[in-house]
């Protein structure tokens, strides 16, 4: 178990690549903080990891909102004592070419995909 006693925060871990990463990290012994804007998905993935013998917690977080990101980090520290790994996986797209994208859609994509990493 290469990640034994390490804690990983994985954003966008409620589905897709983020969920697959969470499953892999848990199999390798990591404590996993499942972060997703969809609370139900975050809690379901965390529950799945625990049922498989891992240690996990789900946290509803919009990574584009600094206070929510800070809350996720604080939850990780409170639950597992430290953070060793951060996987910035959360990302969104909007089904429009740049020429057809509204300013609101553009702002959403930039907020999650760029500001969220910050």
Protein backbone atom coordinates (compact mmCIF):
# COMPACT_ATOMS: atom_id res chain seq x y z
CA UNK A 1 0.00 0.00 0.00
CA UNK A 2 1.94 2.93 -1.35
CA UNK A 3 -0.27 5.64 0.15
CA UNK A 4 -0.72 4.25 3.67
CA UNK A 5 -1.16 7.07 6.23
CA UNK A 6 -1.42 9.73 3.51
CA UNK A 7 -4.48 11.91 3.09
CA UNK A 8 -5.67 12.94 -0.37
CA UNK A 9 -8.22 15.58 -1.27
CA UNK A 10 -9.70 14.80 -4.68
CA UNK A 11 -11.94 17.42 -6.24
CA UNK A 12 -14.67 16.40 -8.65
CA UNK A 13 -14.55 12.93 -7.09
CA UNK A 14 -18.29 12.29 -7.25
CA UNK A 15 -18.05 10.69 -10.70
CA UNK A 16 -15.80 9.88 -13.63
CA UNK A 17 -12.05 10.31 -13.42
CA UNK A 18 -12.26 11.79 -9.91
CA UNK A 19 -14.19 8.80 -8.61
CA UNK A 20 -11.81 6.37 -10.29
CA UNK A 21 -8.89 8.21 -8.71
CA UNK A 22 -10.55 8.07 -5.29
CA UNK A 23 -11.10 4.33 -5.64
CA UNK A 24 -7.47 3.76 -6.64
CA UNK A 25 -6.07 5.94 -3.86
CA UNK A 26 -8.23 4.15 -1.28
CA UNK A 27 -6.99 0.76 -2.55
CA UNK A 28 -3.45 2.06 -2.07
CA UNK A 29 -4.23 2.92 1.56
CA UNK A 30 -4.89 6.67 1.39
CA UNK A 31 -7.44 8.48 3.49
CA UNK A 32 -9.63 10.09 0.84
CA UNK A 33 -11.55 13.35 1.05
CA UNK A 34 -14.16 13.08 -1.71
CA UNK A 35 -14.92 16.65 -2.80
CA UNK A 36 -17.74 17.39 -5.21
CA UNK A 37 -20.32 20.10 -5.81
CA UNK A 38 -22.92 17.32 -5.77
CA UNK A 39 -23.25 16.42 -2.09
CA UNK A 40 -25.13 13.18 -2.75
CA UNK A 41 -22.40 11.97 -5.13
CA UNK A 42 -19.61 12.93 -2.70
CA UNK A 43 -21.27 11.07 0.16
CA UNK A 44 -22.04 8.03 -1.99
CA UNK A 45 -18.46 7.67 -3.19
CA UNK A 46 -17.12 8.14 0.35
CA UNK A 47 -19.54 5.48 1.59
CA UNK A 48 -18.43 3.12 -1.17
CA UNK A 49 -14.79 3.60 -0.17
CA UNK A 50 -15.56 2.89 3.48
CA UNK A 51 -17.55 -0.25 2.57
CA UNK A 52 -14.46 -1.46 0.70
CA UNK A 53 -12.37 -1.03 3.85
CA UNK A 54 -10.98 2.42 3.15
CA UNK A 55 -11.10 5.64 5.13
CA UNK A 56 -13.04 8.43 3.47
CA UNK A 57 -15.24 11.43 4.01
CA UNK A 58 -17.43 13.25 1.50
CA UNK A 59 -17.57 17.04 1.43
CA UNK A 60 -19.90 19.19 -0.70
CA UNK A 61 -17.68 21.88 -2.16
CA UNK A 62 -17.88 24.37 -4.98
CA UNK A 63 -14.16 24.75 -5.73
CA UNK A 64 -14.80 28.15 -7.33
CA UNK A 65 -15.72 29.53 -3.88
CA UNK A 66 -12.63 30.04 -1.70
CA UNK A 67 -14.50 29.69 1.60
CA UNK A 68 -15.90 26.31 0.53
CA UNK A 69 -12.46 25.09 -0.57
CA UNK A 70 -11.06 26.16 2.81
CA UNK A 71 -13.87 24.25 4.54
CA UNK A 72 -12.94 21.09 2.64
CA UNK A 73 -9.29 21.43 3.65
CA UNK A 74 -10.27 22.05 7.27
CA UNK A 75 -12.54 18.96 7.21
CA UNK A 76 -9.64 16.88 5.89
CA UNK A 77 -7.35 18.10 8.68
CA UNK A 78 -10.01 17.63 11.38
CA UNK A 79 -10.79 14.12 10.17
CA UNK A 80 -7.35 12.78 9.22
CA UNK A 81 -4.84 15.19 10.81
CA UNK A 82 -3.10 16.46 7.67
CA UNK A 83 -3.27 16.79 3.90
CA UNK A 84 -0.50 15.23 1.83
CA UNK A 85 -1.98 15.07 -1.66
CA UNK A 86 -4.28 17.37 -3.64
CA UNK A 87 -5.79 16.24 -6.94
CA UNK A 88 -7.41 19.22 -8.68
CA UNK A 89 -9.71 17.16 -10.88
CA UNK A 90 -12.90 19.26 -10.81
CA UNK A 91 -13.74 20.83 -14.13
CA UNK A 92 -16.72 21.80 -16.22
CA UNK A 93 -17.57 22.51 -19.82
CA UNK A 94 -20.51 24.24 -21.40
CA UNK A 95 -21.94 22.91 -24.65
CA UNK A 96 -21.20 25.95 -26.77
CA UNK A 97 -18.39 27.19 -28.94
CA UNK A 98 -16.63 30.25 -27.59
CA UNK A 99 -18.48 32.40 -30.12
CA UNK A 100 -21.85 31.12 -28.88
CA UNK A 101 -20.99 30.95 -25.18
CA UNK A 102 -22.70 33.46 -22.93
CA UNK A 103 -20.63 35.57 -20.59
CA UNK A 104 -22.21 33.71 -17.66
CA UNK A 105 -21.21 30.32 -19.11
CA UNK A 106 -17.68 31.56 -19.74
CA UNK A 107 -17.42 32.87 -16.17
CA UNK A 108 -18.62 29.52 -14.79
CA UNK A 109 -15.99 27.58 -16.75
CA UNK A 110 -13.20 29.96 -15.75
CA UNK A 111 -14.32 29.98 -12.11
CA UNK A 112 -14.25 26.21 -11.76
CA UNK A 113 -11.41 25.28 -14.11
CA UNK A 114 -8.99 28.10 -13.23
CA UNK A 115 -10.06 29.74 -9.99
CA UNK A 116 -10.86 26.34 -8.47
CA UNK A 117 -7.27 25.22 -8.93
CA UNK A 118 -6.05 28.45 -7.31
